[in-house]
Amino acid sequence: MALRITNGSGTLYDKETPDFPVARINYNLMETEATKYNKKRWWGEFSLDEELKHLGNYLIGFEDARKGECVVIANTESSSKKNKTWYYHFNGRGGLSRR
């Protein structure tokens, strides 16, 4: 099973209103390729200069024009009000597509 890691800047969208971005993000994306035993998986982390209003389902867009639905959870160990940087983990739901 091969692991592919990419990073860059992207956009986070509310799942209910995907035409309006919630925030610009800096991300680290990890992906595994599908095998005959396992489906493709993707997950990662991103940082923001402000705290998200709510956690849960979002759409995330990457630099290579792929988008996908993900669940966002807080990384409370790394986030800091003092440094004004907030870190979050995301887990992909379904595939990544070019929309």
Protein backbone atom coordinates (compact mmCIF):
# COMPACT_ATOMS: atom_id res chain seq x y z
CA MET A 1 0.00 0.00 0.00
CA ALA A 2 1.56 3.26 -1.14
CA LEU A 3 1.13 6.48 0.80
CA ARG A 4 1.16 9.78 -1.07
CA ILE A 5 1.65 13.03 0.86
CA THR A 6 0.98 16.46 -0.63
CA ASN A 7 0.67 19.93 0.85
CA GLY A 8 -0.33 23.37 -0.28
CA SER A 9 -3.12 25.89 0.10
CA GLY A 10 -6.78 25.18 -0.48
CA THR A 11 -10.29 26.24 0.39
CA LEU A 12 -12.79 25.00 2.96
CA TYR A 13 -16.49 25.19 2.06
CA ASP A 14 -19.62 24.69 4.13
CA LYS A 15 -21.32 21.51 2.92
CA GLU A 16 -24.74 23.21 2.89
CA THR A 17 -23.57 26.23 0.83
CA PRO A 18 -20.65 24.98 -1.30
CA ASP A 19 -20.52 28.10 -3.48
CA PHE A 20 -19.24 30.30 -0.66
CA PRO A 21 -15.83 29.57 0.91
CA VAL A 22 -15.53 29.44 4.68
CA ALA A 23 -11.75 29.87 4.84
CA ARG A 24 -8.45 29.60 2.98
CA ILE A 25 -6.33 26.81 4.47
CA ASN A 26 -2.81 25.42 4.40
CA TYR A 27 -3.08 21.64 4.25
CA ASN A 28 -1.16 18.37 4.45
CA LEU A 29 -3.00 15.61 2.59
CA MET A 30 -2.28 11.89 2.93
CA GLU A 31 -3.74 9.39 0.43
CA THR A 32 -3.55 5.65 -0.04
CA GLU A 33 -4.23 3.97 -3.36
CA ALA A 34 -7.06 1.48 -3.71
CA THR A 35 -6.21 -2.22 -3.77
CA LYS A 36 -8.37 -5.24 -4.38
CA TYR A 37 -8.71 -5.51 -0.58
CA ASN A 38 -9.07 -1.85 0.45
CA LYS A 39 -10.66 1.24 -1.02
CA LYS A 40 -8.79 4.51 -1.44
CA ARG A 41 -8.52 6.58 1.75
CA TRP A 42 -7.57 10.20 2.29
CA TRP A 43 -7.08 12.34 5.39
CA GLY A 44 -4.87 15.11 6.71
CA GLU A 45 -4.61 18.31 8.65
CA PHE A 46 -4.83 22.01 8.00
CA SER A 47 -4.22 25.28 9.81
CA LEU A 48 -6.16 28.53 9.98
CA ASP A 49 -5.57 31.99 11.39
CA GLU A 50 -9.00 31.92 13.04
CA GLU A 51 -11.08 29.37 14.90
CA LEU A 52 -13.84 27.55 12.98
CA LYS A 53 -17.34 28.33 14.23
CA HIS A 54 -18.40 24.67 14.14
CA LEU A 55 -16.84 21.28 13.49
CA GLY A 56 -18.33 18.55 11.34
CA ASN A 57 -19.00 18.06 7.63
CA TYR A 58 -17.30 20.33 5.11
CA LEU A 59 -16.17 20.27 1.50
CA ILE A 60 -12.46 20.79 0.99
CA GLY A 61 -10.83 21.95 -2.23
CA PHE A 62 -7.17 21.37 -3.05
CA GLU A 63 -4.73 23.16 -5.38
CA ASP A 64 -5.04 20.50 -8.09
CA ALA A 65 -8.81 21.26 -8.46
CA ARG A 66 -9.94 18.15 -6.58
CA LYS A 67 -12.70 18.45 -4.01
CA GLY A 68 -14.20 16.07 -1.53
CA GLU A 69 -16.44 15.84 1.49
CA CYS A 70 -14.69 15.49 4.83
CA VAL A 71 -15.30 15.52 8.56
CA VAL A 72 -13.31 18.18 10.43
CA ILE A 73 -12.22 17.77 14.04
CA ALA A 74 -10.08 20.05 16.19
CA ASN A 75 -6.47 19.34 17.07
CA THR A 76 -6.58 20.93 20.51
CA GLU A 77 -3.02 19.91 21.38
CA SER A 78 -1.50 22.15 18.69
CA SER A 79 -4.01 25.01 18.53
CA SER A 80 -3.12 28.18 20.35
CA LYS A 81 -5.01 31.40 21.01
CA LYS A 82 -1.68 32.97 21.93
CA ASN A 83 -0.13 32.26 18.51
CA LYS A 84 -3.47 32.75 16.71
CA THR A 85 -3.07 29.54 14.73
CA TRP A 86 -5.71 26.82 14.80
CA TYR A 87 -5.02 23.26 13.66
CA TYR A 88 -7.62 20.76 12.50
CA HIS A 89 -7.68 17.17 11.29
CA PHE A 90 -9.93 16.01 8.46
CA ASN A 91 -11.02 12.55 7.34
CA GLY A 92 -12.22 12.11 3.79
CA ARG A 93 -15.67 10.71 3.07
CA GLY A 94 -15.96 9.14 -0.34
CA GLY A 95 -13.67 9.92 -3.23
CA LEU A 96 -11.92 13.04 -4.42
CA SER A 97 -13.26 14.40 -7.68
CA ARG A 98 -12.52 17.25 -10.03
CA ARG A 99 -15.69 19.35 -9.87
